[in-house]
N, C-alpha and C. Protein backbone atom coordinates (compact mmCIF):
# COMPACT_ATOMS: atom_id res chain seq x y z
N MET A 1 103.35 197.61 130.23
CA MET A 1 103.04 196.23 129.89
C MET A 1 103.99 195.31 130.62
N ALA A 2 103.45 194.23 131.08
CA ALA A 2 104.28 193.23 131.75
C ALA A 2 104.87 192.29 130.71
N ARG A 3 106.12 191.94 130.89
CA ARG A 3 106.76 190.93 130.05
C ARG A 3 106.41 189.58 130.67
N VAL A 4 105.70 188.72 129.93
CA VAL A 4 105.26 187.43 130.44
C VAL A 4 106.10 186.34 129.81
N LEU A 5 106.66 185.48 130.67
CA LEU A 5 107.49 184.37 130.22
C LEU A 5 106.84 183.05 130.62
N LEU A 6 106.77 182.13 129.69
CA LEU A 6 106.25 180.78 129.96
C LEU A 6 107.36 179.78 129.73
N PHE A 7 107.42 178.79 130.58
CA PHE A 7 108.47 177.78 130.47
C PHE A 7 107.85 176.39 130.34
N GLY A 8 108.63 175.46 129.77
CA GLY A 8 108.24 174.06 129.69
C GLY A 8 106.91 173.85 129.01
N ARG A 9 106.11 172.99 129.60
CA ARG A 9 104.83 172.61 129.00
C ARG A 9 103.86 173.78 128.90
N LEU A 10 104.03 174.80 129.74
CA LEU A 10 103.15 175.96 129.66
C LEU A 10 103.34 176.68 128.32
N ALA A 11 104.58 176.80 127.87
CA ALA A 11 104.84 177.40 126.57
C ALA A 11 104.28 176.52 125.46
N ASP A 12 104.36 175.22 125.63
CA ASP A 12 103.81 174.31 124.62
C ASP A 12 102.29 174.47 124.52
N VAL A 13 101.62 174.58 125.64
CA VAL A 13 100.16 174.76 125.64
C VAL A 13 99.78 176.07 124.97
N ALA A 14 100.50 177.14 125.28
CA ALA A 14 100.17 178.47 124.77
C ALA A 14 100.59 178.68 123.32
N GLY A 15 101.67 178.01 122.93
CA GLY A 15 102.21 178.24 121.59
C GLY A 15 103.10 179.47 121.51
N TRP A 16 103.50 180.00 122.65
CA TRP A 16 104.43 181.12 122.72
C TRP A 16 105.22 181.04 124.02
N ARG A 17 106.37 181.69 124.05
CA ARG A 17 107.23 181.65 125.24
C ARG A 17 107.36 183.02 125.91
N GLU A 18 107.17 184.08 125.15
CA GLU A 18 107.38 185.42 125.71
C GLU A 18 106.46 186.41 124.99
N ARG A 19 105.77 187.23 125.79
CA ARG A 19 104.87 188.25 125.23
C ARG A 19 104.76 189.41 126.19
N ASP A 20 104.45 190.57 125.66
CA ASP A 20 104.11 191.73 126.47
C ASP A 20 102.60 191.80 126.56
N ILE A 21 102.07 191.88 127.79
CA ILE A 21 100.63 191.91 128.02
C ILE A 21 100.33 193.04 129.00
N PRO A 22 99.39 193.92 128.66
CA PRO A 22 99.05 194.99 129.59
C PRO A 22 98.28 194.42 130.79
N ALA A 23 98.76 194.72 131.98
CA ALA A 23 98.10 194.24 133.20
C ALA A 23 98.55 195.10 134.37
N ARG A 24 97.63 195.38 135.28
CA ARG A 24 97.94 196.19 136.47
C ARG A 24 98.33 195.34 137.67
N SER A 25 97.88 194.07 137.66
CA SER A 25 98.17 193.18 138.79
C SER A 25 98.27 191.76 138.26
N LEU A 26 98.76 190.88 139.11
CA LEU A 26 98.84 189.48 138.72
C LEU A 26 97.45 188.91 138.47
N ALA A 27 96.47 189.30 139.28
CA ALA A 27 95.10 188.83 139.06
C ALA A 27 94.56 189.33 137.72
N ASP A 28 94.84 190.58 137.39
CA ASP A 28 94.42 191.14 136.11
C ASP A 28 95.06 190.35 134.96
N LEU A 29 96.34 190.05 135.08
CA LEU A 29 97.05 189.28 134.06
C LEU A 29 96.42 187.90 133.89
N ARG A 30 96.17 187.23 134.99
CA ARG A 30 95.55 185.89 134.91
C ARG A 30 94.17 185.96 134.24
N GLY A 31 93.42 187.01 134.55
CA GLY A 31 92.11 187.18 133.93
C GLY A 31 92.22 187.38 132.43
N ARG A 32 93.19 188.15 132.00
CA ARG A 32 93.40 188.37 130.57
C ARG A 32 93.81 187.07 129.89
N LEU A 33 94.69 186.31 130.53
CA LEU A 33 95.09 185.02 129.95
C LEU A 33 93.92 184.05 129.88
N ALA A 34 93.07 184.05 130.89
CA ALA A 34 91.90 183.16 130.90
C ALA A 34 90.95 183.48 129.75
N ALA A 35 90.74 184.78 129.52
CA ALA A 35 89.83 185.20 128.46
C ALA A 35 90.40 184.86 127.08
N GLU A 36 91.71 184.94 126.96
CA GLU A 36 92.36 184.71 125.68
C GLU A 36 92.58 183.23 125.38
N ASP A 37 92.92 182.46 126.40
CA ASP A 37 93.32 181.06 126.17
C ASP A 37 92.93 180.20 127.38
N PRO A 38 91.72 179.64 127.37
CA PRO A 38 91.27 178.84 128.51
C PRO A 38 92.18 177.64 128.81
N ALA A 39 92.77 177.05 127.79
CA ALA A 39 93.66 175.90 128.03
C ALA A 39 94.91 176.33 128.80
N LEU A 40 95.46 177.48 128.45
CA LEU A 40 96.62 177.99 129.18
C LEU A 40 96.23 178.33 130.61
N PHE A 41 95.10 179.01 130.77
CA PHE A 41 94.65 179.36 132.11
C PHE A 41 94.50 178.11 132.98
N GLU A 42 93.92 177.06 132.41
CA GLU A 42 93.77 175.80 133.16
C GLU A 42 95.14 175.23 133.53
N ALA A 43 96.08 175.26 132.60
CA ALA A 43 97.43 174.76 132.88
C ALA A 43 98.10 175.56 133.99
N LEU A 44 97.85 176.87 134.02
CA LEU A 44 98.45 177.72 135.05
C LEU A 44 97.88 177.45 136.44
N GLN A 45 96.70 176.83 136.51
CA GLN A 45 96.06 176.53 137.78
C GLN A 45 96.62 175.28 138.45
N GLY A 46 97.51 174.58 137.77
CA GLY A 46 98.09 173.37 138.35
C GLY A 46 98.73 173.65 139.70
N PRO A 47 98.63 172.70 140.64
CA PRO A 47 99.10 172.94 142.00
C PRO A 47 100.60 173.18 142.12
N ALA A 48 101.38 172.70 141.18
CA ALA A 48 102.83 172.86 141.30
C ALA A 48 103.37 173.98 140.43
N VAL A 49 102.52 174.72 139.72
CA VAL A 49 102.97 175.84 138.91
C VAL A 49 103.29 177.01 139.83
N ARG A 50 104.49 177.54 139.68
CA ARG A 50 104.93 178.68 140.51
C ARG A 50 104.95 179.94 139.66
N THR A 51 104.84 181.07 140.32
CA THR A 51 104.85 182.36 139.64
C THR A 51 105.94 183.23 140.25
N ALA A 52 106.73 183.84 139.39
CA ALA A 52 107.75 184.78 139.84
C ALA A 52 107.46 186.14 139.21
N VAL A 53 107.52 187.17 140.02
CA VAL A 53 107.38 188.55 139.55
C VAL A 53 108.70 189.25 139.83
N ASP A 54 109.31 189.74 138.78
CA ASP A 54 110.62 190.39 138.89
C ASP A 54 111.61 189.51 139.64
N GLN A 55 111.61 188.24 139.27
CA GLN A 55 112.53 187.21 139.75
C GLN A 55 112.36 186.87 141.23
N GLN A 56 111.19 187.16 141.79
CA GLN A 56 110.86 186.78 143.16
C GLN A 56 109.61 185.92 143.13
N LEU A 57 109.67 184.73 143.75
CA LEU A 57 108.49 183.88 143.80
C LEU A 57 107.40 184.55 144.61
N VAL A 58 106.18 184.50 144.11
CA VAL A 58 105.04 185.07 144.80
C VAL A 58 103.93 184.03 144.87
N SER A 59 103.09 184.13 145.88
CA SER A 59 101.98 183.20 146.01
C SER A 59 100.64 183.92 146.08
N LEU A 60 100.67 185.24 146.18
CA LEU A 60 99.45 186.03 146.26
C LEU A 60 99.41 187.02 145.10
N ASP A 61 98.30 187.72 144.97
CA ASP A 61 98.19 188.76 143.96
C ASP A 61 99.14 189.89 144.33
N VAL A 62 99.82 190.42 143.34
CA VAL A 62 100.70 191.58 143.54
C VAL A 62 100.45 192.57 142.42
N ASP A 63 100.70 193.85 142.70
CA ASP A 63 100.62 194.88 141.67
C ASP A 63 101.81 194.72 140.73
N LEU A 64 101.58 195.04 139.46
CA LEU A 64 102.64 194.98 138.46
C LEU A 64 102.99 196.39 138.01
N ARG A 65 104.26 196.62 137.80
CA ARG A 65 104.73 197.87 137.22
C ARG A 65 104.72 197.73 135.69
N PRO A 66 104.79 198.81 134.96
CA PRO A 66 104.82 198.70 133.50
C PRO A 66 106.00 197.88 132.97
N ASP A 67 107.09 197.82 133.75
CA ASP A 67 108.26 197.06 133.30
C ASP A 67 108.43 195.73 134.05
N SER A 68 107.38 195.25 134.70
CA SER A 68 107.49 194.00 135.45
C SER A 68 107.68 192.81 134.52
N GLU A 69 108.38 191.82 135.04
CA GLU A 69 108.55 190.55 134.35
C GLU A 69 107.82 189.49 135.18
N VAL A 70 106.93 188.75 134.52
CA VAL A 70 106.17 187.70 135.19
C VAL A 70 106.52 186.37 134.52
N ALA A 71 107.01 185.44 135.30
CA ALA A 71 107.38 184.12 134.78
C ALA A 71 106.50 183.06 135.43
N PHE A 72 105.92 182.22 134.61
CA PHE A 72 105.14 181.08 135.09
C PHE A 72 106.00 179.85 134.92
N LEU A 73 106.22 179.15 136.02
CA LEU A 73 107.18 178.04 136.07
C LEU A 73 106.46 176.73 136.35
N PRO A 74 106.49 175.79 135.42
CA PRO A 74 105.86 174.50 135.67
C PRO A 74 106.73 173.66 136.60
N PRO A 75 106.19 172.55 137.09
CA PRO A 75 107.01 171.66 137.91
C PRO A 75 108.22 171.18 137.08
N MET A 76 109.34 171.07 137.73
CA MET A 76 110.55 170.60 137.06
C MET A 76 110.82 169.16 137.47
N SER A 77 111.35 168.42 136.51
CA SER A 77 111.79 167.07 136.86
C SER A 77 113.27 166.99 136.55
N GLY A 78 113.95 166.19 137.27
CA GLY A 78 115.38 166.07 137.08
C GLY A 78 115.79 164.62 136.91
N GLY A 79 116.99 164.44 136.61
CA GLY A 79 117.44 163.08 136.45
C GLY A 79 118.88 163.01 136.07
């Protein structure tokens, strides 16, 4: 199972910050999230949302290991 982490507004939309979700790839994970929570899936499609797998930013589909960590990162603002 992949450990899925949501940050910022993504966690607010989902109502959770961390969960274990069975998935073989990033595309599989996104499909599972879409089926479970369309609002979260829509939020994840935002152009500035970044994805990190095992603490490395990725932009394409990647295979996940059973112990992978997937973090969805919303745009950050500073001040």
